[in-house]
Protein backbone atom coordinates (compact mmCIF):
# COMPACT_ATOMS: atom_id res chain seq x y z
CA MET A 1 -5.20 2.57 -1.79
CA LEU A 2 -5.94 3.12 -5.51
CA GLN A 3 -8.65 5.62 -6.40
CA ILE A 4 -9.55 6.21 -10.05
CA THR A 5 -12.11 8.92 -10.73
CA ASP A 6 -13.83 9.65 -14.04
CA ILE A 7 -10.85 9.12 -16.36
CA GLN A 8 -11.16 9.69 -20.10
CA THR A 9 -8.41 8.09 -22.20
CA PHE A 10 -7.77 8.46 -25.93
CA TYR A 11 -5.54 7.04 -28.64
CA GLY A 12 -5.14 10.05 -30.86
CA ARG A 13 -8.66 11.20 -31.68
CA SER A 14 -10.26 7.88 -30.70
CA GLN A 15 -11.66 7.78 -27.19
CA VAL A 16 -11.31 4.43 -25.43
CA LEU A 17 -12.27 5.08 -21.80
CA PHE A 18 -15.36 7.09 -20.94
CA GLY A 19 -15.56 8.29 -17.34
CA VAL A 20 -14.11 5.18 -15.67
CA SER A 21 -13.97 5.08 -11.86
CA LEU A 22 -12.91 2.32 -9.46
CA ALA A 23 -11.22 1.79 -6.12
CA VAL A 24 -8.89 -0.85 -4.69
CA ASP A 25 -8.46 -1.01 -0.92
CA ALA A 26 -5.42 -2.38 0.89
CA GLY A 27 -5.50 -6.18 0.92
CA GLU A 28 -8.37 -6.31 -1.58
CA VAL A 29 -8.52 -8.37 -4.77
CA ILE A 30 -10.55 -6.85 -7.60
CA THR A 31 -11.12 -8.02 -11.15
CA VAL A 32 -12.03 -6.23 -14.36
CA MET A 33 -13.91 -8.45 -16.81
CA GLY A 34 -15.15 -7.95 -20.35
CA ARG A 35 -14.78 -9.09 -23.93
CA ASN A 36 -11.65 -8.30 -25.95
CA GLY A 37 -11.27 -4.72 -27.12
CA MET A 38 -13.41 -3.17 -24.40
CA GLY A 39 -10.66 -1.07 -22.81
CA LYS A 40 -9.34 -3.25 -19.98
CA THR A 41 -5.66 -3.05 -20.95
CA THR A 42 -6.04 0.65 -21.74
CA LEU A 43 -7.23 1.11 -18.16
CA VAL A 44 -4.09 -0.63 -16.90
CA HIS A 45 -1.93 1.54 -19.15
CA SER A 46 -3.70 4.64 -17.89
CA ILE A 47 -2.96 3.71 -14.28
CA LEU A 48 0.71 3.22 -15.07
CA GLY A 49 1.10 6.36 -17.17
CA LEU A 50 1.74 4.45 -20.40
CA THR A 51 -1.41 5.94 -21.95
CA PRO A 52 -2.18 8.96 -19.76
CA PRO A 53 -5.84 9.98 -19.48
CA ARG A 54 -6.81 13.42 -20.79
CA SER A 55 -9.04 14.09 -17.80
CA GLY A 56 -9.98 12.57 -14.48
CA SER A 57 -7.82 11.53 -11.54
CA ILE A 58 -5.67 8.53 -10.56
CA ARG A 59 -4.46 8.57 -6.98
CA PHE A 60 -2.40 5.96 -5.17
CA GLU A 61 -2.20 6.22 -1.38
CA GLY A 62 -3.18 9.87 -1.76
CA PHE A 63 -0.48 10.65 -4.33
CA GLU A 64 -1.63 11.95 -7.71
CA LEU A 65 -0.39 9.69 -10.51
CA THR A 66 -2.33 11.30 -13.34
CA ASN A 67 0.03 12.30 -16.18
CA GLN A 68 3.09 11.11 -14.28
CA PRO A 69 5.66 8.96 -16.16
CA SER A 70 5.37 5.22 -15.63
CA TYR A 71 8.41 4.93 -13.38
CA ILE A 72 6.64 7.11 -10.81
CA ALA A 73 3.83 4.54 -10.52
CA ALA A 74 6.44 1.79 -10.12
CA ARG A 75 8.28 3.71 -7.42
CA ALA A 76 4.99 4.42 -5.65
CA GLY A 77 4.43 0.68 -5.27
CA ILE A 78 2.50 -0.60 -8.31
CA ALA A 79 3.84 -3.62 -10.21
CA LEU A 80 2.54 -4.99 -13.51
CA VAL A 81 2.50 -8.53 -14.85
CA PRO A 82 1.87 -7.46 -18.45
CA GLU A 83 -0.14 -9.04 -21.20
CA GLY A 84 2.35 -11.10 -23.21
CA ARG A 85 4.69 -11.45 -20.17
CA LEU A 86 7.52 -9.33 -21.69
CA ILE A 87 10.29 -11.01 -19.75
CA PHE A 88 13.89 -10.26 -20.74
CA PRO A 89 14.68 -13.04 -23.27
CA THR A 90 18.48 -12.84 -23.10
CA LEU A 91 18.69 -12.74 -19.30
CA THR A 92 18.59 -15.83 -17.11
CA VAL A 93 15.74 -16.48 -14.70
CA CYS A 94 17.86 -15.21 -11.81
CA GLU A 95 18.90 -12.11 -13.76
CA ASN A 96 15.28 -11.35 -14.68
CA LEU A 97 14.32 -11.47 -11.02
CA ILE A 98 17.29 -9.52 -9.69
CA ALA A 99 16.86 -6.82 -12.34
CA THR A 100 13.69 -5.50 -10.66
CA ALA A 101 14.49 -6.22 -7.02
CA ALA A 102 13.66 -3.36 -4.64
CA ASN A 103 12.13 -2.80 -1.23
CA ARG A 104 11.21 0.88 -1.30
CA SER A 105 8.36 0.42 1.18
CA GLY A 106 10.65 -1.23 3.74
CA ALA A 107 8.68 -4.49 3.94
CA ALA A 108 9.71 -6.52 6.98
CA ASP A 109 9.68 -9.77 5.00
CA PRO A 110 10.57 -8.73 1.46
CA TRP A 111 10.43 -10.94 -1.59
CA THR A 112 13.76 -12.61 -2.37
CA LEU A 113 14.97 -15.18 -4.89
CA ASP A 114 14.42 -17.93 -2.33
CA ARG A 115 10.81 -16.86 -1.69
CA VAL A 116 10.04 -16.71 -5.41
CA PHE A 117 11.63 -20.13 -5.97
CA GLU A 118 9.62 -21.53 -3.06
CA MET A 119 6.41 -20.31 -4.69
CA PHE A 120 7.49 -21.46 -8.17
CA PRO A 121 9.74 -24.55 -7.86
CA LYS A 122 9.90 -24.85 -11.66
CA LEU A 123 11.77 -21.55 -11.79
CA ALA A 124 14.29 -22.84 -9.25
CA GLU A 125 14.97 -25.77 -11.57
CA ARG A 126 15.62 -23.39 -14.46
CA LYS A 127 17.24 -20.49 -12.63
CA GLN A 128 20.24 -20.37 -14.98
CA SER A 129 18.16 -20.77 -18.16
CA TYR A 130 17.60 -17.82 -20.47
CA GLY A 131 14.14 -16.31 -20.57
CA LYS A 132 13.64 -17.14 -24.25
CA THR A 133 14.09 -20.87 -23.55
CA LEU A 134 11.25 -21.08 -21.02
CA SER A 135 7.79 -22.41 -21.79
CA GLY A 136 4.84 -20.03 -21.81
CA GLY A 137 3.82 -21.12 -18.33
CA GLU A 138 7.34 -20.71 -16.97
CA GLN A 139 7.54 -17.26 -18.52
CA GLN A 140 4.31 -16.27 -16.80
CA MET A 141 5.64 -17.52 -13.48
CA LEU A 142 8.79 -15.51 -14.10
CA ALA A 143 6.77 -12.40 -14.94
CA ILE A 144 4.88 -12.76 -11.66
CA GLY A 145 8.08 -13.39 -9.72
CA ARG A 146 9.70 -10.35 -11.33
CA ALA A 147 6.78 -8.19 -10.20
CA LEU A 148 6.89 -9.64 -6.69
CA MET A 149 10.59 -8.80 -6.42
CA THR A 150 9.65 -5.12 -6.50
CA ASN A 151 7.76 -5.69 -3.21
CA ALA A 152 4.84 -3.74 -4.63
CA LYS A 153 1.83 -2.69 -2.60
CA LEU A 154 -0.49 -3.29 -5.58
CA LEU A 155 0.02 -6.12 -8.08
CA ILE A 156 -1.70 -5.82 -11.47
CA LEU A 157 -2.06 -8.93 -13.64
CA ASP A 158 -3.21 -8.35 -17.22
CA ASP A 159 -4.47 -11.61 -18.78
CA ALA A 160 -3.18 -13.62 -15.85
CA THR A 161 -3.59 -17.08 -17.41
CA GLU A 162 -4.30 -16.41 -21.10
CA GLY A 163 -3.15 -19.24 -23.36
CA LEU A 164 -1.72 -21.42 -20.58
CA ALA A 165 -2.26 -25.13 -20.06
CA PRO A 166 -4.83 -26.08 -17.37
CA MET A 167 -2.20 -27.42 -14.96
CA VAL A 168 -0.17 -24.22 -15.25
CA CYS A 169 -3.32 -22.12 -14.78
CA ALA A 170 -4.01 -24.02 -11.57
CA GLU A 171 -0.50 -23.17 -10.31
CA ILE A 172 -0.98 -19.49 -11.13
CA TRP A 173 -4.34 -19.32 -9.35
CA ASN A 174 -2.86 -21.10 -6.35
CA CYS A 175 -0.11 -18.49 -6.28
CA ILE A 176 -2.68 -15.66 -6.42
CA GLU A 177 -4.65 -17.23 -3.57
CA GLN A 178 -1.48 -17.43 -1.47
CA LEU A 179 -0.74 -13.79 -2.19
CA LYS A 180 -4.25 -12.81 -1.14
CA GLU A 181 -3.79 -14.64 2.15
CA THR A 182 -0.71 -12.50 2.85
CA GLY A 183 -2.77 -9.32 2.38
CA GLN A 184 -1.42 -8.42 -1.07
CA ALA A 185 -3.69 -6.02 -2.97
CA ILE A 186 -4.29 -7.41 -6.47
CA PHE A 187 -5.98 -6.14 -9.65
CA ILE A 188 -6.68 -9.00 -12.11
CA ILE A 189 -7.81 -9.15 -15.71
CA ASP A 190 -8.70 -12.68 -16.80
CA ARG A 191 -11.46 -14.79 -18.36
CA ASN A 192 -11.55 -17.65 -15.86
CA LEU A 193 -14.80 -16.75 -14.13
CA GLU A 194 -14.73 -19.72 -11.76
CA ALA A 195 -11.32 -18.72 -10.40
CA LEU A 196 -12.20 -15.03 -10.29
CA MET A 197 -15.41 -15.69 -8.36
CA ARG A 198 -13.42 -17.76 -5.87
CA ILE A 199 -10.62 -15.27 -5.32
CA ALA A 200 -11.76 -11.69 -6.00
CA ASP A 201 -13.61 -9.48 -3.51
CA GLN A 202 -15.06 -7.04 -6.03
CA HIS A 203 -15.79 -7.35 -9.75
CA TYR A 204 -16.13 -4.76 -12.51
CA ILE A 205 -17.52 -5.45 -15.98
CA MET A 206 -16.34 -3.23 -18.82
CA GLU A 207 -18.24 -2.68 -22.07
CA LYS A 208 -17.02 -0.28 -24.74
CA GLY A 209 -14.84 1.72 -22.39
CA ARG A 210 -17.37 2.05 -19.56
CA PHE A 211 -18.13 0.07 -16.44
CA VAL A 212 -21.62 -1.32 -16.88
CA TRP A 213 -21.73 -3.32 -13.64
CA SER A 214 -19.82 -3.71 -10.40
CA GLY A 215 -20.37 -5.67 -7.23
CA ASP A 216 -19.20 -8.56 -5.10
CA THR A 217 -19.30 -12.26 -5.93
CA ALA A 218 -22.71 -12.84 -4.35
CA ALA A 219 -24.20 -10.06 -6.46
CA PHE A 220 -22.63 -11.44 -9.64
CA VAL A 221 -23.89 -14.97 -8.99
CA ALA A 222 -27.37 -13.55 -8.32
CA GLU A 223 -27.47 -12.07 -11.86
CA PRO A 224 -26.63 -14.99 -14.21
CA GLU A 225 -27.66 -13.00 -17.30
CA LEU A 226 -24.56 -10.81 -16.84
CA ARG A 227 -22.35 -13.63 -18.11
CA GLN A 228 -24.11 -13.90 -21.47
CA ARG A 229 -24.83 -10.21 -21.92
CA TYR A 230 -21.32 -8.88 -21.30
CA LEU A 231 -18.93 -11.84 -21.19
CA GLY A 232 -20.24 -14.39 -23.68
CA VAL A 233 -18.72 -14.85 -27.13
């Protein structure tokens, strides 16, 4: 589905990504792990055209996304739950969700307000509340619901549960597990290794703009030194 090959991304003269390659298959859940400042969000921005790579290739379902504006990636079927949530503060919950609603792929059972409210009952309770009045956890649920309303083929979550209370984190991970069961392809950046090991099919570890390891959960568990070497504080 998503094929990234040898991309090199810069901010001005400063290179951030050095020959990064990865693949996401239909229905697969992959995670990119690493300490802060290693290039994970830059990778997401490269995929979406927010920080286009200077070289390499990004293809989605065979379509070349490299150097395309970000709305092309969205129309192709990629949705982002961004770091910091970035919901619309002066729109209500319902308005936030309706603002992105689309079914360009012609899904037989598309996401609707009712489906989002079924997954996140707290949002149903606050459907007429403005975005700026929601708690951090409710805003994250809204950001996920907003992405789902695009009926995307690939869902990207950047810092999926950063800064959220444990009970809210549990709700978010439960949501992600449900999405996986439906066959939703998901790309996750997060620090909760226990949840990632339970949910993701493939894992990538990033260090200073390069992937230094990749493999499945069994391979990661078999190399316990990876946690301290690349993920420890």
